[in-house]
């Protein structure tokens, strides 16, 4: 029954794409563009690759959400209600994504991203040491909050650091790198779980997240320095 519900939602999304989305009219000149090439990826800027690097490290830390379900079973949550873990995580993710965008527009996305990545550290630490279901759910809430605070803003950084004519390529590279990182992260997390147990798995996630946070701080500092230099050059002009 659950899978039939998922199929209905998938068809509904497909119908929206087919009947509800229209391409804007474009001039003939804009339609005649050279075909994309794999070599175009190497034309992307260093700041873009820095964003990809931070996202990859963060994805290595944020392995598959299936481990949240495993952890729930591990601390004694009844199998019949284990899916509630994913429900809670996705509800928090959905509810926090829009406020995160509003806050980033109003106060700047740097602070929101830093808070979001820091939240994953707390989530991993809670999930590593919890022995009760209520505390586990707190960790799941922090995990979902991290998703809402970071995922949309990372995509914004990709758009900011990629040339307009290569944004499609940039998002393709970004998602490819993130997908590969997620696969590696889940394999490594599974091996850690089997050999050392859940505590080691989530502590490793916390350590990698801390590394991603350091990289993010360095990246944002570099952006700020670059903007400062550009501003000073315009001031001299």
Protein backbone atom coordinates (compact mmCIF):
# COMPACT_ATOMS: atom_id res chain seq x y z
CA UNK A 1 0.00 0.00 0.00
CA UNK A 2 2.83 2.38 0.89
CA UNK A 3 4.47 1.86 -2.50
CA UNK A 4 1.18 2.46 -4.35
CA UNK A 5 0.90 5.82 -2.56
CA UNK A 6 4.44 6.66 -3.71
CA UNK A 7 3.54 5.73 -7.31
CA UNK A 8 0.51 8.05 -7.26
CA UNK A 9 2.69 10.94 -6.05
CA UNK A 10 5.26 10.20 -8.76
CA UNK A 11 2.61 10.30 -11.50
CA UNK A 12 1.24 13.53 -10.05
CA UNK A 13 4.71 15.11 -10.21
CA UNK A 14 5.14 13.87 -13.80
CA UNK A 15 1.77 15.37 -14.77
CA UNK A 16 2.80 18.73 -13.32
CA UNK A 17 6.01 18.67 -15.39
CA UNK A 18 4.20 17.72 -18.60
CA UNK A 19 1.12 19.94 -18.34
CA UNK A 20 2.07 22.67 -15.89
CA UNK A 21 5.57 23.71 -16.95
CA UNK A 22 6.17 25.69 -20.14
CA UNK A 23 9.47 26.73 -21.64
CA UNK A 24 9.72 30.48 -22.22
CA UNK A 25 9.98 31.64 -25.80
CA UNK A 26 13.52 32.25 -26.92
CA UNK A 27 15.04 34.09 -29.84
CA UNK A 28 16.37 31.92 -32.65
CA UNK A 29 19.92 33.05 -31.90
CA UNK A 30 19.76 31.70 -28.35
CA UNK A 31 18.53 28.33 -29.58
CA UNK A 32 21.52 27.80 -31.86
CA UNK A 33 24.19 27.06 -29.29
CA UNK A 34 27.12 24.68 -29.56
CA UNK A 35 26.53 21.22 -28.14
CA UNK A 36 27.73 20.74 -24.54
CA UNK A 37 31.03 18.94 -24.14
CA UNK A 38 32.57 17.17 -21.18
CA UNK A 39 35.57 19.49 -21.48
CA UNK A 40 33.31 22.41 -20.54
CA UNK A 41 33.55 21.27 -16.92
CA UNK A 42 37.20 22.33 -16.82
CA UNK A 43 36.20 25.88 -17.70
CA UNK A 44 34.42 26.25 -14.37
CA UNK A 45 36.02 28.61 -11.88
CA UNK A 46 38.12 27.75 -8.84
CA UNK A 47 35.46 29.06 -6.43
CA UNK A 48 33.00 26.61 -8.00
CA UNK A 49 35.37 23.68 -7.47
CA UNK A 50 35.88 24.87 -3.90
CA UNK A 51 32.10 24.72 -3.38
CA UNK A 52 32.06 21.21 -4.84
CA UNK A 53 34.89 20.18 -2.52
CA UNK A 54 33.04 21.42 0.57
CA UNK A 55 29.82 19.76 -0.62
CA UNK A 56 31.62 16.45 -1.21
CA UNK A 57 33.13 16.43 2.29
CA UNK A 58 29.75 17.36 3.75
CA UNK A 59 28.07 14.57 1.77
CA UNK A 60 30.67 12.08 3.00
CA UNK A 61 29.63 13.11 6.51
CA UNK A 62 25.90 12.98 5.73
CA UNK A 63 25.62 9.36 4.65
CA UNK A 64 22.32 7.74 3.70
CA UNK A 65 19.32 8.45 5.93
CA UNK A 66 18.84 4.67 6.08
CA UNK A 67 21.32 4.75 8.96
CA UNK A 68 18.82 6.80 10.94
CA UNK A 69 16.40 3.91 10.60
CA UNK A 70 19.09 1.40 11.63
CA UNK A 71 19.95 3.52 14.65
CA UNK A 72 16.28 3.69 15.63
CA UNK A 73 16.05 -0.09 15.58
CA UNK A 74 19.34 -0.28 17.47
CA UNK A 75 18.02 1.80 20.41
CA UNK A 76 14.82 -0.21 20.62
CA UNK A 77 12.19 1.51 18.48
CA UNK A 78 9.51 -0.97 17.44
CA UNK A 79 9.93 -2.11 13.83
CA UNK A 80 6.32 -1.24 13.04
CA UNK A 81 6.92 2.47 13.68
CA UNK A 82 10.54 2.76 12.51
CA UNK A 83 9.41 4.57 9.29
CA UNK A 84 8.25 7.40 11.58
CA UNK A 85 11.93 8.36 11.83
CA UNK A 86 12.00 9.27 8.14
CA UNK A 87 8.66 11.04 8.45
CA UNK A 88 9.97 13.23 11.27
CA UNK A 89 13.20 13.99 9.38
CA UNK A 90 11.39 14.97 6.18
CA UNK A 91 8.80 17.09 7.99
CA UNK A 92 11.56 19.09 9.70
CA UNK A 93 13.43 19.33 6.38
CA UNK A 94 10.34 20.67 4.60
CA UNK A 95 9.37 23.10 7.36
CA UNK A 96 12.86 24.56 7.71
CA UNK A 97 13.79 24.97 4.04
CA UNK A 98 11.62 28.02 3.36
CA UNK A 99 12.61 29.94 6.54
CA UNK A 100 16.24 29.16 5.73
CA UNK A 101 15.83 30.82 2.33
CA UNK A 102 14.13 33.85 3.86
CA UNK A 103 16.87 34.23 6.49
CA UNK A 104 19.59 33.90 3.85
CA UNK A 105 17.98 36.61 1.73
CA UNK A 106 17.63 38.93 4.70
CA UNK A 107 20.84 38.34 6.64
CA UNK A 108 23.14 36.55 4.18
CA UNK A 109 23.52 32.86 3.49
CA UNK A 110 26.95 32.51 5.09
CA UNK A 111 25.61 32.46 8.63
CA UNK A 112 22.73 30.15 7.71
CA UNK A 113 25.12 27.69 6.07
CA UNK A 114 27.46 27.72 9.06
CA UNK A 115 24.56 27.07 11.43
CA UNK A 116 23.28 24.31 9.15
CA UNK A 117 26.61 22.48 8.99
CA UNK A 118 27.11 22.91 12.74
CA UNK A 119 23.67 21.39 13.27
CA UNK A 120 24.80 18.19 11.55
CA UNK A 121 27.70 17.91 14.03
CA UNK A 122 25.20 18.06 16.91
CA UNK A 123 22.94 15.53 15.16
CA UNK A 124 25.81 13.06 14.70
CA UNK A 125 26.95 13.42 18.31
CA UNK A 126 23.41 12.91 19.63
CA UNK A 127 22.88 9.87 17.40
CA UNK A 128 26.26 8.45 18.39
CA UNK A 129 25.66 8.44 22.14
CA UNK A 130 21.90 8.13 22.51
CA UNK A 131 20.43 5.09 24.22
CA UNK A 132 16.77 6.15 24.17
CA UNK A 133 14.14 6.76 21.51
CA UNK A 134 13.21 10.32 22.62
CA UNK A 135 16.84 11.47 22.43
CA UNK A 136 17.23 9.71 19.08
CA UNK A 137 14.28 11.71 17.75
CA UNK A 138 16.03 14.91 18.85
CA UNK A 139 19.00 13.84 16.74
CA UNK A 140 16.68 13.12 13.81
CA UNK A 141 15.16 16.60 14.16
CA UNK A 142 18.64 18.16 14.05
CA UNK A 143 19.44 16.05 10.97
CA UNK A 144 16.34 17.29 9.16
CA UNK A 145 17.05 20.86 10.25
CA UNK A 146 20.54 20.58 8.79
CA UNK A 147 19.05 19.46 5.47
CA UNK A 148 16.68 22.40 5.36
CA UNK A 149 19.40 24.90 6.23
CA UNK A 150 22.04 23.69 3.77
CA UNK A 151 20.73 21.96 0.67
CA UNK A 152 19.10 24.92 -1.07
CA UNK A 153 21.91 27.27 -0.12
CA UNK A 154 24.61 24.98 -1.49
CA UNK A 155 22.75 25.02 -4.81
CA UNK A 156 22.73 28.82 -4.61
CA UNK A 157 26.50 28.85 -4.14
CA UNK A 158 26.83 26.70 -7.25
CA UNK A 159 24.80 29.23 -9.23
CA UNK A 160 26.84 32.12 -7.79
CA UNK A 161 30.21 30.64 -8.69
CA UNK A 162 29.39 29.29 -12.17
CA UNK A 163 29.28 31.39 -15.36
CA UNK A 164 25.74 31.88 -16.66
CA UNK A 165 26.45 29.93 -19.85
CA UNK A 166 27.80 26.94 -17.87
CA UNK A 167 25.30 26.72 -15.01
CA UNK A 168 23.69 23.57 -16.38
CA UNK A 169 27.11 21.95 -16.58
CA UNK A 170 27.94 23.20 -13.09
CA UNK A 171 24.83 21.66 -11.55
CA UNK A 172 25.49 18.43 -13.40
CA UNK A 173 29.04 18.25 -12.04
CA UNK A 174 27.86 19.22 -8.56
CA UNK A 175 25.18 16.52 -8.46
CA UNK A 176 27.51 13.91 -9.96
CA UNK A 177 30.17 14.61 -7.34
CA UNK A 178 27.59 14.63 -4.53
CA UNK A 179 26.07 11.36 -5.73
CA UNK A 180 29.44 9.61 -5.87
CA UNK A 181 30.29 10.98 -2.42
CA UNK A 182 26.96 9.70 -1.05
CA UNK A 183 27.66 6.23 -2.43
CA UNK A 184 31.15 6.15 -0.93
CA UNK A 185 29.89 7.56 2.37
CA UNK A 186 27.20 4.92 2.69
CA UNK A 187 29.62 2.07 1.92
CA UNK A 188 32.15 3.37 4.44
CA UNK A 189 29.43 4.02 7.05
CA UNK A 190 28.15 0.47 6.57
CA UNK A 191 31.64 -0.95 7.04
CA UNK A 192 32.18 1.12 10.19
CA UNK A 193 28.80 0.01 11.51
CA UNK A 194 29.59 -3.68 10.92
CA UNK A 195 33.11 -3.52 12.36
CA UNK A 196 32.91 -0.93 15.14
CA UNK A 197 29.22 -0.26 15.68
CA UNK A 198 26.90 2.76 15.39
CA UNK A 199 28.86 4.99 17.78
CA UNK A 200 31.93 4.91 15.50
CA UNK A 201 29.78 5.51 12.43
CA UNK A 202 28.19 8.69 13.72
CA UNK A 203 31.41 9.94 15.34
CA UNK A 204 33.12 9.60 11.97
CA UNK A 205 30.25 11.61 10.49
CA UNK A 206 30.74 14.31 13.12
CA UNK A 207 34.49 14.48 12.38
CA UNK A 208 33.94 14.80 8.63
CA UNK A 209 31.28 17.44 9.20
CA UNK A 210 33.74 19.43 11.32
CA UNK A 211 36.20 19.22 8.41
CA UNK A 212 33.50 20.45 6.02
CA UNK A 213 32.73 23.32 8.40
CA UNK A 214 36.40 24.37 8.43
CA UNK A 215 36.46 24.23 4.63
CA UNK A 216 33.25 26.24 4.43
CA UNK A 217 34.63 28.95 6.74
CA UNK A 218 37.78 29.17 4.60
CA UNK A 219 35.69 29.34 1.42
CA UNK A 220 33.42 32.07 2.76
CA UNK A 221 36.43 34.04 3.98
CA UNK A 222 37.90 33.80 0.49
CA UNK A 223 34.63 35.03 -1.06
CA UNK A 224 34.56 37.94 1.37
CA UNK A 225 38.17 38.85 0.57
CA UNK A 226 37.47 38.68 -3.16
CA UNK A 227 34.41 40.90 -2.83
CA UNK A 228 36.41 43.33 -0.70
CA UNK A 229 39.14 43.54 -3.33
CA UNK A 230 36.59 44.09 -6.08
CA UNK A 231 34.94 46.83 -4.03
CA UNK A 232 38.25 48.59 -3.37
CA UNK A 233 39.12 48.50 -7.09
CA UNK A 234 35.79 50.12 -7.97
CA UNK A 235 36.39 52.68 -5.23
CA UNK A 236 39.72 53.68 -6.76
CA UNK A 237 38.06 53.99 -10.16
